[in-house]
């Protein structure tokens, strides 16, 4: 495979924060191996991990060999970088389960199976650390790095000087040595000469390059990307429900799609460069078209399409898009019945519900009862009657009059009926 300039690719995408001198020339000389570490403390990655994932994906597409390192050993310790407290430690069974789940997610971006020299490889640092005794580690590794060097790292200084914490345990203090040894091990075992990560990892990565220099008399390189922030100051990767996960069971494809669809123009312009494989010319065209008619949100729609398809699937994207447009659909009643129950509930999340037994529909439920007496959606029978006379009430988005009766024919997914009073008031009847 012909090599492409990886550093140039990252630069126009806004994905370069720091590079060690000589890294770009090193990459253009031959196919090189590089790695990124992933925290295995959950059985799913989240969109905060997407930047390092995309680093590896672009790296492979530029003709180089990517290694994804699952930190089974370091996950048992806890990285102090950017943290204010020590994380919980995990047992090996949980870590192995998480590793397999993470590999499946990475396979959406990286080619692990291809019969090519630069196929991706997944490694777990627990495999080479588990037999390493404490005495061996401090003798063979620890003696090469001074405490002064370790104390100078921002991740250590920030934790020790913070008044809001109990300081830093020795376990966490040694984290940079363990991560540094990972780089040394991969350098010696796999000729891995580059480590990449977020800008907050610079200190840990350079500890690795220092070990390579001092122990192996070799040369390792560091490349870091910026930490992503949102234009409104809120944290990237978080929604009202917490992390936006790559696992569909944790964050549904609909909610995942909505996260990107709701990006501001400023953020979407940044995200589409970082989180897609679209070319520079394609992105410039999309942005230019968006700026002509920004109210149509074409930029956000394309961003959400690309990334939802990549993380989940084309059909998941299509279902999420359909669900997003369903409230404005001219064939609402038919379209809403095509949604699975989870997506239906996602679309109507937060809408008040009332539960009724199915027997209430057996002989037909009058609209006054449906709106007031049986559900308390409206305050009184008289308010319900007035809304019906004003032609303000809809069942499954179709206007009804006072003589209409709800029946099992109105059920969506054999369980739900949607009531509307006017355009803004929506209610759900759940039938059991």
Protein backbone atom coordinates (compact mmCIF):
# COMPACT_ATOMS: atom_id res chain seq x y z
CA UNK A 1 0.00 0.00 0.00
CA UNK A 2 1.26 3.46 -0.90
CA UNK A 3 1.90 5.60 2.16
CA UNK A 4 -0.08 8.80 2.61
CA UNK A 5 1.08 11.67 4.79
CA UNK A 6 -0.63 10.90 8.08
CA UNK A 7 0.40 14.12 9.82
CA UNK A 8 -0.93 16.25 6.95
CA UNK A 9 -4.22 14.32 7.09
CA UNK A 10 -4.55 15.06 10.80
CA UNK A 11 -3.60 18.70 10.42
CA UNK A 12 -6.41 19.69 8.03
CA UNK A 13 -8.87 17.74 10.18
CA UNK A 14 -7.82 19.68 13.30
CA UNK A 15 -6.60 16.51 15.00
CA UNK A 16 -3.00 17.47 15.85
CA UNK A 17 -2.02 18.93 19.21
CA UNK A 18 1.63 17.94 19.60
CA UNK A 19 4.07 15.85 17.60
CA UNK A 20 7.55 14.90 18.64
CA UNK A 21 10.21 16.27 16.26
CA UNK A 22 10.99 13.83 13.46
CA UNK A 23 7.68 11.94 13.66
CA UNK A 24 6.42 13.04 10.23
CA UNK A 25 9.69 12.09 8.44
CA UNK A 26 9.74 8.78 10.34
CA UNK A 27 6.23 7.97 9.07
CA UNK A 28 7.04 8.78 5.45
CA UNK A 29 10.07 6.46 5.33
CA UNK A 30 8.22 3.14 5.67
CA UNK A 31 5.16 1.45 7.13
CA UNK A 32 5.29 2.06 10.88
CA UNK A 33 3.45 0.58 13.85
CA UNK A 34 1.69 2.83 16.35
CA UNK A 35 -0.63 2.22 19.26
CA UNK A 36 -3.36 3.88 21.26
CA UNK A 37 -4.48 2.70 24.69
CA UNK A 38 -8.12 2.20 25.70
CA UNK A 39 -9.51 2.00 29.21
CA UNK A 40 -11.37 -1.32 29.68
CA UNK A 41 -13.33 -0.30 32.77
CA UNK A 42 -16.65 -0.63 30.86
CA UNK A 43 -17.83 -3.11 28.22
CA UNK A 44 -18.40 -0.27 25.79
CA UNK A 45 -16.46 2.69 24.52
CA UNK A 46 -18.21 6.06 24.32
CA UNK A 47 -17.93 8.98 21.92
CA UNK A 48 -15.20 10.48 24.08
CA UNK A 49 -13.07 7.58 22.76
CA UNK A 50 -13.87 8.35 19.14
CA UNK A 51 -10.96 10.74 18.62
CA UNK A 52 -8.26 8.15 19.44
CA UNK A 53 -10.25 5.54 17.49
CA UNK A 54 -10.26 7.84 14.46
CA UNK A 55 -6.52 8.43 14.93
CA UNK A 56 -5.93 4.70 14.51
CA UNK A 57 -8.42 4.44 11.63
CA UNK A 58 -6.74 7.26 9.68
CA UNK A 59 -3.37 5.75 10.54
CA UNK A 60 -4.36 2.44 8.94
CA UNK A 61 -5.86 4.19 5.92
CA UNK A 62 -2.56 6.01 5.41
CA UNK A 63 -0.81 2.64 5.06
CA UNK A 64 0.50 2.10 8.59
CA UNK A 65 -0.13 -0.66 11.14
CA UNK A 66 -2.36 0.21 14.12
CA UNK A 67 -2.28 -1.48 17.51
CA UNK A 68 -5.21 -1.01 19.89
CA UNK A 69 -4.01 -1.63 23.44
CA UNK A 70 -6.61 -2.59 26.02
CA UNK A 71 -5.22 -1.58 29.40
CA UNK A 72 -6.04 -4.70 31.38
CA UNK A 73 -3.13 -4.07 33.75
CA UNK A 74 -3.37 -0.29 33.83
CA UNK A 75 -7.15 -0.64 34.22
CA UNK A 76 -6.40 -2.32 37.52
CA UNK A 77 -4.47 0.78 38.62
CA UNK A 78 -6.10 3.95 37.31
CA UNK A 79 -4.68 6.80 35.25
CA UNK A 80 -4.47 10.09 37.20
CA UNK A 81 -4.55 12.20 34.01
CA UNK A 82 -7.56 14.49 34.09
CA UNK A 83 -9.03 12.68 37.09
CA UNK A 84 -9.76 14.01 40.54
CA UNK A 85 -10.12 10.65 42.27
CA UNK A 86 -8.88 7.09 42.02
CA UNK A 87 -10.98 4.71 39.93
CA UNK A 88 -12.38 1.38 40.97
CA UNK A 89 -10.22 -1.66 40.28
CA UNK A 90 -11.57 -4.55 38.17
CA UNK A 91 -11.09 -8.31 38.29
CA UNK A 92 -9.59 -10.23 35.35
CA UNK A 93 -12.87 -11.89 34.27
CA UNK A 94 -14.57 -8.51 33.91
CA UNK A 95 -11.58 -7.06 32.07
CA UNK A 96 -11.54 -9.93 29.55
CA UNK A 97 -15.27 -9.53 28.91
CA UNK A 98 -14.79 -5.79 28.39
CA UNK A 99 -11.85 -6.43 26.05
CA UNK A 100 -13.92 -8.61 23.70
CA UNK A 101 -16.77 -6.08 23.66
CA UNK A 102 -14.35 -3.25 22.87
CA UNK A 103 -12.73 -5.20 20.02
CA UNK A 104 -16.13 -5.67 18.36
CA UNK A 105 -16.69 -1.92 18.49
CA UNK A 106 -13.21 -1.12 17.16
CA UNK A 107 -13.84 -3.50 14.24
CA UNK A 108 -16.32 -0.94 12.87
CA UNK A 109 -13.34 1.34 12.26
CA UNK A 110 -10.27 -0.90 11.96
CA UNK A 111 -9.55 -3.90 9.74
CA UNK A 112 -8.41 -6.70 12.08
CA UNK A 113 -9.02 -9.53 9.63
CA UNK A 114 -7.51 -8.30 6.36
CA UNK A 115 -4.67 -10.33 4.87
CA UNK A 116 -2.47 -7.25 4.56
CA UNK A 117 0.75 -6.19 6.33
CA UNK A 118 -1.00 -3.30 8.09
CA UNK A 119 -3.97 -5.21 9.54
CA UNK A 120 -4.91 -3.98 13.00
CA UNK A 121 -3.91 -5.87 16.15
CA UNK A 122 -5.53 -5.86 19.59
CA UNK A 123 -3.23 -6.37 22.58
CA UNK A 124 -3.78 -6.36 26.34
CA UNK A 125 -1.00 -5.13 28.60
CA UNK A 126 -2.14 -7.55 31.30
CA UNK A 127 -0.62 -10.32 29.16
CA UNK A 128 2.92 -9.04 29.65
CA UNK A 129 2.48 -7.42 33.06
CA UNK A 130 0.83 -10.32 34.95
CA UNK A 131 4.07 -12.29 35.39
CA UNK A 132 6.15 -9.22 36.20
CA UNK A 133 7.03 -9.22 39.91
CA UNK A 134 7.23 -5.97 41.82
CA UNK A 135 10.94 -6.49 42.54
CA UNK A 136 11.67 -7.16 38.85
CA UNK A 137 9.73 -4.07 37.81
CA UNK A 138 11.47 -1.65 40.15
CA UNK A 139 14.86 -3.22 39.28
CA UNK A 140 14.47 -3.38 35.48
CA UNK A 141 12.25 -0.37 34.84
CA UNK A 142 11.92 1.87 37.88
CA UNK A 143 15.62 2.56 38.25
CA UNK A 144 15.73 4.23 34.83
CA UNK A 145 13.26 7.02 35.67
CA UNK A 146 13.86 9.45 38.54
CA UNK A 147 11.19 10.60 40.97
CA UNK A 148 12.04 14.18 39.94
CA UNK A 149 11.14 13.29 36.33
CA UNK A 150 7.84 11.72 37.39
CA UNK A 151 6.92 14.58 39.72
CA UNK A 152 7.39 17.10 36.92
CA UNK A 153 4.46 15.63 34.92
CA UNK A 154 1.33 17.81 34.95
CA UNK A 155 -0.93 14.83 35.70
CA UNK A 156 1.03 14.20 38.91
CA UNK A 157 1.46 17.85 39.92
CA UNK A 158 -2.22 18.64 39.45
CA UNK A 159 -3.35 15.73 41.64
CA UNK A 160 -0.84 16.35 44.40
CA UNK A 161 -1.47 20.11 44.56
CA UNK A 162 -5.26 19.81 44.40
CA UNK A 163 -6.95 20.79 47.66
CA UNK A 164 -10.14 18.91 46.77
CA UNK A 165 -8.61 15.42 46.82
CA UNK A 166 -6.85 13.17 49.27
CA UNK A 167 -3.71 13.32 47.18
CA UNK A 168 -2.43 10.47 45.01
CA UNK A 169 -1.77 6.89 45.98
CA UNK A 170 1.54 5.22 45.17
CA UNK A 171 -0.45 2.93 42.85
CA UNK A 172 -1.53 5.84 40.70
CA UNK A 173 1.84 7.53 40.95
CA UNK A 174 3.42 4.52 39.24
CA UNK A 175 0.88 4.58 36.40
CA UNK A 176 3.12 6.50 34.04
CA UNK A 177 5.88 3.92 34.57
CA UNK A 178 3.52 1.07 33.67
CA UNK A 179 2.24 2.92 30.57
CA UNK A 180 5.81 3.81 29.68
CA UNK A 181 6.76 0.15 29.92
CA UNK A 182 3.90 -0.75 27.55
CA UNK A 183 5.52 1.45 24.92
CA UNK A 184 8.91 -0.13 25.58
CA UNK A 185 7.45 -3.66 25.37
CA UNK A 186 5.63 -2.96 22.09
CA UNK A 187 8.76 -1.26 20.72
CA UNK A 188 10.86 -4.34 21.42
CA UNK A 189 8.25 -7.01 20.62
CA UNK A 190 6.40 -5.42 17.70
CA UNK A 191 8.71 -2.67 16.43
CA UNK A 192 6.06 -0.17 17.54
CA UNK A 193 7.70 3.25 17.35
CA UNK A 194 4.77 5.64 17.91
CA UNK A 195 2.23 6.11 20.67
CA UNK A 196 -0.80 8.34 20.11
CA UNK A 197 -3.47 9.69 22.42
CA UNK A 198 -5.19 12.78 23.76
CA UNK A 199 -3.16 15.82 24.73
CA UNK A 200 -3.61 14.90 28.40
CA UNK A 201 -1.53 11.77 27.71
CA UNK A 202 1.61 13.64 26.59
CA UNK A 203 3.38 13.13 29.93
CA UNK A 204 2.66 9.39 30.02
CA UNK A 205 3.66 8.92 26.39
CA UNK A 206 6.96 10.77 26.75
CA UNK A 207 7.81 8.59 29.75
CA UNK A 208 7.60 5.71 27.29
CA UNK A 209 9.87 7.41 24.78
CA UNK A 210 12.34 8.05 27.61
CA UNK A 211 12.35 4.36 28.58
CA UNK A 212 12.90 3.37 24.94
CA UNK A 213 15.87 5.77 24.78
CA UNK A 214 17.41 4.71 28.10
CA UNK A 215 16.80 0.95 28.06
CA UNK A 216 16.61 0.02 24.36
CA UNK A 217 18.80 2.83 23.02
CA UNK A 218 16.03 3.41 20.51
CA UNK A 219 13.80 6.23 19.33
CA UNK A 220 10.07 6.43 20.02
CA UNK A 221 7.69 9.18 18.96
CA UNK A 222 4.61 10.80 20.44
CA UNK A 223 1.61 12.25 18.58
CA UNK A 224 -1.32 13.73 20.47
CA UNK A 225 -4.66 15.17 19.45
CA UNK A 226 -6.61 18.01 21.09
CA UNK A 227 -9.22 17.28 23.71
CA UNK A 228 -12.59 18.00 22.11
CA UNK A 229 -14.74 20.72 23.64
CA UNK A 230 -18.18 22.06 22.72
CA UNK A 231 -18.67 25.65 21.67
CA UNK A 232 -21.15 26.31 24.48
CA UNK A 233 -18.66 25.20 27.10
CA UNK A 234 -20.45 21.94 27.99
CA UNK A 235 -18.54 18.67 27.96
CA UNK A 236 -18.26 16.81 24.68
CA UNK A 237 -19.60 13.27 24.78
CA UNK A 238 -22.16 13.89 27.51
CA UNK A 239 -25.92 14.14 27.21
CA UNK A 240 -28.62 14.56 29.83
CA UNK A 241 -28.42 10.83 30.44
CA UNK A 242 -24.64 10.81 30.90
CA UNK A 243 -22.13 9.30 28.45
CA UNK A 244 -23.12 8.74 24.82
CA UNK A 245 -22.03 5.12 24.37
CA UNK A 246 -21.17 3.19 21.20
CA UNK A 247 -23.15 0.18 22.48
CA UNK A 248 -26.74 0.29 21.20
CA UNK A 249 -27.96 -1.23 24.47
CA UNK A 250 -26.52 1.68 26.44
CA UNK A 251 -27.31 4.50 24.00
CA UNK A 252 -29.89 3.66 21.33
CA UNK A 253 -29.04 4.45 17.68
CA UNK A 254 -31.88 7.01 17.75
CA UNK A 255 -30.40 8.89 20.73
CA UNK A 256 -26.92 8.52 19.24
CA UNK A 257 -28.16 10.05 15.96
CA UNK A 258 -29.93 12.84 17.84
CA UNK A 259 -26.74 13.79 19.69
CA UNK A 260 -24.98 14.68 16.43
CA UNK A 261 -28.11 16.10 14.79
CA UNK A 262 -28.41 18.62 17.63
CA UNK A 263 -24.85 19.94 17.22
CA UNK A 264 -24.40 23.66 16.75
CA UNK A 265 -23.15 24.84 13.35
CA UNK A 266 -19.75 25.65 14.85
CA UNK A 267 -19.39 22.23 16.46
CA UNK A 268 -20.70 20.35 13.42
CA UNK A 269 -18.08 22.01 11.19
CA UNK A 270 -15.40 20.72 13.56
CA UNK A 271 -16.95 17.29 14.12
CA UNK A 272 -17.44 16.40 10.46
CA UNK A 273 -13.68 16.73 9.91
CA UNK A 274 -12.77 14.66 12.96
CA UNK A 275 -15.44 11.96 13.04
CA UNK A 276 -15.90 11.03 9.37
CA UNK A 277 -13.75 9.77 6.52
CA UNK A 278 -15.12 12.34 4.07
CA UNK A 279 -12.45 14.12 2.02
CA UNK A 280 -11.50 17.74 2.47
CA UNK A 281 -13.24 18.72 -0.79
CA UNK A 282 -16.42 16.83 0.16
CA UNK A 283 -16.54 18.55 3.54
CA UNK A 284 -15.97 22.01 2.03
CA UNK A 285 -18.88 21.39 -0.36
CA UNK A 286 -21.18 20.23 2.47
CA UNK A 287 -20.30 23.26 4.62
CA UNK A 288 -20.81 25.68 1.71
CA UNK A 289 -24.24 24.23 0.92
CA UNK A 290 -25.18 24.34 4.60
CA UNK A 291 -24.26 28.02 4.86
CA UNK A 292 -26.66 28.83 2.01
CA UNK A 293 -29.64 27.30 3.87
CA UNK A 294 -28.51 26.77 7.49
CA UNK A 295 -32.08 26.28 8.74
CA UNK A 296 -32.22 22.97 6.84
CA UNK A 297 -29.33 21.68 9.00
CA UNK A 298 -27.78 19.81 6.10
CA UNK A 299 -24.37 19.77 7.79
CA UNK A 300 -25.70 18.19 10.96
CA UNK A 301 -27.76 15.67 8.99
CA UNK A 302 -24.75 14.51 6.98
CA UNK A 303 -22.57 14.33 10.11
CA UNK A 304 -25.20 12.28 11.95
CA UNK A 305 -25.65 9.99 8.93
CA UNK A 306 -21.95 9.27 8.53
CA UNK A 307 -21.18 8.58 12.15
CA UNK A 308 -24.37 6.64 12.99
CA UNK A 309 -23.81 4.40 9.96
CA UNK A 310 -20.18 3.85 10.96
CA UNK A 311 -20.81 3.09 14.65
CA UNK A 312 -24.05 1.13 14.16
CA UNK A 313 -25.24 0.32 10.60
CA UNK A 314 -26.96 1.79 7.56
CA UNK A 315 -30.32 0.37 8.65
CA UNK A 316 -29.88 1.77 12.17
CA UNK A 317 -29.22 5.18 10.66
CA UNK A 318 -32.28 4.92 8.40
CA UNK A 319 -34.49 3.94 11.34
CA UNK A 320 -33.11 6.78 13.46
CA UNK A 321 -33.66 9.27 10.65
CA UNK A 322 -37.21 8.01 10.11
CA UNK A 323 -37.92 8.27 13.84
CA UNK A 324 -36.54 11.82 13.87
CA UNK A 325 -38.86 12.88 11.06
CA UNK A 326 -41.87 10.87 12.16
CA UNK A 327 -43.61 13.63 14.10
CA UNK A 328 -43.81 15.63 10.87
CA UNK A 329 -44.69 12.71 8.62
CA UNK A 330 -47.79 12.91 6.43
CA UNK A 331 -48.25 9.17 6.90
CA UNK A 332 -47.63 9.29 10.65
CA UNK A 333 -50.02 6.50 11.64
CA UNK A 334 -48.45 4.01 9.25
CA UNK A 335 -44.88 5.15 9.92
CA UNK A 336 -45.13 5.13 13.71
CA UNK A 337 -46.19 1.49 13.66
CA UNK A 338 -42.92 0.55 11.95
CA UNK A 339 -40.83 1.68 14.95
CA UNK A 340 -39.74 -0.89 17.50
CA UNK A 341 -40.89 -0.20 21.05
CA UNK A 342 -37.50 1.05 22.30
CA UNK A 343 -37.24 3.65 19.52
CA UNK A 344 -40.89 4.62 20.03
CA UNK A 345 -40.17 5.30 23.72
CA UNK A 346 -37.01 7.22 22.81
CA UNK A 347 -38.99 9.49 20.48
CA UNK A 348 -41.58 10.19 23.16
CA UNK A 349 -39.18 10.30 26.10
CA UNK A 350 -40.47 12.62 28.82
CA UNK A 351 -44.03 12.69 27.47
CA UNK A 352 -46.53 12.05 30.32
CA UNK A 353 -48.23 8.66 30.32
CA UNK A 354 -51.32 7.07 31.78
CA UNK A 355 -51.87 3.32 32.00
CA UNK A 356 -55.21 1.71 31.21
CA UNK A 357 -56.31 -1.93 31.13
CA UNK A 358 -57.01 -3.36 27.69
CA UNK A 359 -60.53 -4.14 28.78
CA UNK A 360 -61.30 -0.38 28.66
CA UNK A 361 -60.96 -0.55 24.88
CA UNK A 362 -62.99 -3.71 24.39
CA UNK A 363 -66.28 -1.92 23.71
CA UNK A 364 -64.72 1.43 22.81
CA UNK A 365 -63.50 4.23 25.11
CA UNK A 366 -65.18 7.60 24.61
CA UNK A 367 -62.92 10.61 24.08
CA UNK A 368 -64.09 12.49 27.16
CA UNK A 369 -62.97 9.55 29.30
CA UNK A 370 -59.74 9.17 27.34
CA UNK A 371 -58.82 12.83 27.82
CA UNK A 372 -60.01 13.45 31.36
CA UNK A 373 -61.82 10.96 33.58
CA UNK A 374 -59.66 7.93 32.76
CA UNK A 375 -56.30 9.63 32.35
CA UNK A 376 -56.33 13.14 33.87
CA UNK A 377 -54.52 14.44 30.80
CA UNK A 378 -56.97 17.31 30.83
CA UNK A 379 -58.24 18.77 34.07
CA UNK A 380 -61.95 18.16 33.57
CA UNK A 381 -64.64 16.72 31.31
CA UNK A 382 -65.68 20.23 30.34
CA UNK A 383 -62.13 21.09 29.23
CA UNK A 384 -62.02 17.88 27.22
CA UNK A 385 -65.38 18.64 25.60
CA UNK A 386 -64.26 22.18 24.75
CA UNK A 387 -61.00 20.96 23.16
CA UNK A 388 -62.93 18.45 21.04
CA UNK A 389 -65.40 21.11 19.87
CA UNK A 390 -62.45 23.34 18.91
CA UNK A 391 -61.10 20.50 16.75
CA UNK A 392 -57.89 20.58 18.82
CA UNK A 393 -57.67 16.87 19.68
CA UNK A 394 -55.87 14.20 17.64
CA UNK A 395 -55.46 10.46 18.09
CA UNK A 396 -52.22 9.21 16.57
CA UNK A 397 -51.95 12.59 14.82
CA UNK A 398 -55.40 12.34 13.19
CA UNK A 399 -58.06 14.83 14.31
CA UNK A 400 -61.10 13.34 16.06
CA UNK A 401 -64.47 14.57 17.31
CA UNK A 402 -66.39 13.90 20.51
CA UNK A 403 -68.18 10.87 19.10
CA UNK A 404 -64.90 9.05 18.31
CA UNK A 405 -64.17 5.98 20.42
CA UNK A 406 -60.73 4.50 21.10
CA UNK A 407 -60.36 0.82 20.26
CA UNK A 408 -57.62 -1.75 19.86
CA UNK A 409 -57.32 -0.62 16.23
CA UNK A 410 -55.68 2.58 17.54
CA UNK A 411 -52.89 0.73 19.35
CA UNK A 412 -49.28 1.23 18.25
CA UNK A 413 -47.04 -1.77 18.95
CA UNK A 414 -50.19 -3.30 20.46
CA UNK A 415 -49.64 -1.09 23.49
CA UNK A 416 -49.65 2.69 22.94
CA UNK A 417 -52.01 5.45 21.81
CA UNK A 418 -50.80 9.01 21.19
CA UNK A 419 -53.10 11.88 22.09
CA UNK A 420 -52.53 15.50 21.19
CA UNK A 421 -54.24 18.68 22.27
CA UNK A 422 -53.08 21.35 19.90
CA UNK A 423 -49.53 21.22 18.56
CA UNK A 424 -47.63 21.31 21.83
CA UNK A 425 -49.44 19.01 24.26
CA UNK A 426 -48.72 15.31 23.73
CA UNK A 427 -49.82 12.41 25.91
CA UNK A 428 -49.35 8.67 25.77
CA UNK A 429 -51.89 6.06 26.83
CA UNK A 430 -50.17 2.79 27.67
CA UNK A 431 -52.51 -0.20 27.50
CA UNK A 432 -51.71 -3.36 29.45
